[in-house]
Amino acid sequence: MKTAISLPDDLFRRAETTAKKRRISRSALYAQAIADFLARSDSESVTERLNAVYSQTPAQVEALLMRTQLRLLKNVEW
């Protein structure tokens, strides 16, 4: 699908330089950028929905599991 877009001059020059460095067409660069943006947007949407679901009910962790996790975390070198 062909489309026309307007870009600020600096952004256009940076895109041109990047496409040349990667040895891909300008169209391929723009298509990849849009695909990456949409993938991140979808991922953020899923995270937002999960946060909404889990924020409605407080999380409950069994006492034994919580103690075990805390004990194991003390042994981890950060």
Protein backbone atom coordinates (compact mmCIF):
# COMPACT_ATOMS: atom_id res chain seq x y z
CA MET A 1 0.00 0.00 0.00
CA LYS A 2 1.43 3.36 -0.94
CA THR A 3 0.96 6.31 1.38
CA ALA A 4 2.28 9.84 1.74
CA ILE A 5 3.40 11.22 5.09
CA SER A 6 4.97 14.45 6.30
CA LEU A 7 8.01 14.31 8.57
CA PRO A 8 10.14 16.99 10.18
CA ASP A 9 13.34 17.48 8.15
CA ASP A 10 15.63 16.26 10.93
CA LEU A 11 13.63 13.06 11.42
CA PHE A 12 13.64 12.41 7.68
CA ARG A 13 17.43 12.85 7.49
CA ARG A 14 17.95 10.52 10.47
CA ALA A 15 15.70 7.92 8.87
CA GLU A 16 17.57 8.20 5.58
CA THR A 17 20.90 7.73 7.34
CA THR A 18 19.61 4.74 9.31
CA ALA A 19 18.16 3.07 6.22
CA LYS A 20 21.47 3.46 4.38
CA LYS A 21 23.47 2.10 7.31
CA ARG A 22 21.18 -0.92 7.53
CA ARG A 23 21.12 -1.30 3.75
CA ILE A 24 17.34 -1.35 3.62
CA SER A 25 14.88 0.79 1.76
CA ARG A 26 13.19 3.77 3.36
CA SER A 27 9.87 1.92 3.01
CA ALA A 28 11.27 -1.10 4.84
CA LEU A 29 12.56 1.13 7.63
CA TYR A 30 9.21 2.86 8.04
CA ALA A 31 7.30 -0.43 7.90
CA GLN A 32 9.54 -1.92 10.61
CA ALA A 33 9.20 1.17 12.78
CA ILE A 34 5.41 1.06 12.54
CA ALA A 35 5.34 -2.69 13.23
CA ASP A 36 7.54 -2.21 16.32
CA PHE A 37 5.37 0.66 17.55
CA LEU A 38 2.18 -1.38 17.15
CA ALA A 39 3.71 -4.40 18.92
CA ARG A 40 4.71 -2.20 21.88
CA SER A 41 1.26 -0.62 21.94
CA ASP A 42 -0.40 -4.04 21.98
CA SER A 43 1.92 -5.18 24.77
CA GLU A 44 1.19 -2.06 26.83
CA SER A 45 -2.54 -2.60 26.31
CA VAL A 46 -2.30 -6.15 27.65
CA THR A 47 -0.30 -4.94 30.65
CA GLU A 48 -2.85 -2.23 31.36
CA ARG A 49 -5.70 -4.74 31.24
CA LEU A 50 -3.86 -7.16 33.54
CA ASN A 51 -3.08 -4.35 35.97
CA ALA A 52 -6.76 -3.39 36.00
CA VAL A 53 -7.84 -6.96 36.74
CA TYR A 54 -5.26 -7.56 39.46
CA SER A 55 -5.78 -4.18 41.12
CA GLN A 56 -9.40 -5.05 41.91
CA THR A 57 -8.53 -7.80 44.39
CA PRO A 58 -5.56 -7.76 46.75
CA ALA A 59 -3.07 -10.51 46.04
CA GLN A 60 -2.93 -13.23 48.63
CA VAL A 61 0.15 -15.37 49.03
CA GLU A 62 0.19 -18.37 51.30
CA ALA A 63 2.30 -17.74 54.40
CA LEU A 64 4.64 -20.72 53.77
CA LEU A 65 5.24 -19.67 50.17
CA MET A 66 5.95 -16.09 51.19
CA ARG A 67 8.42 -17.15 53.90
CA THR A 68 10.18 -19.46 51.45
CA GLN A 69 10.45 -16.74 48.81
CA LEU A 70 11.81 -14.23 51.32
CA ARG A 71 14.34 -16.76 52.61
CA LEU A 72 15.54 -17.49 49.08
CA LEU A 73 15.79 -13.81 48.20
CA LYS A 74 18.10 -13.23 51.15
CA ASN A 75 20.58 -15.63 49.53
CA VAL A 76 20.61 -13.82 46.17
CA GLU A 77 23.45 -11.43 45.43
CA TRP A 78 22.10 -8.38 43.66
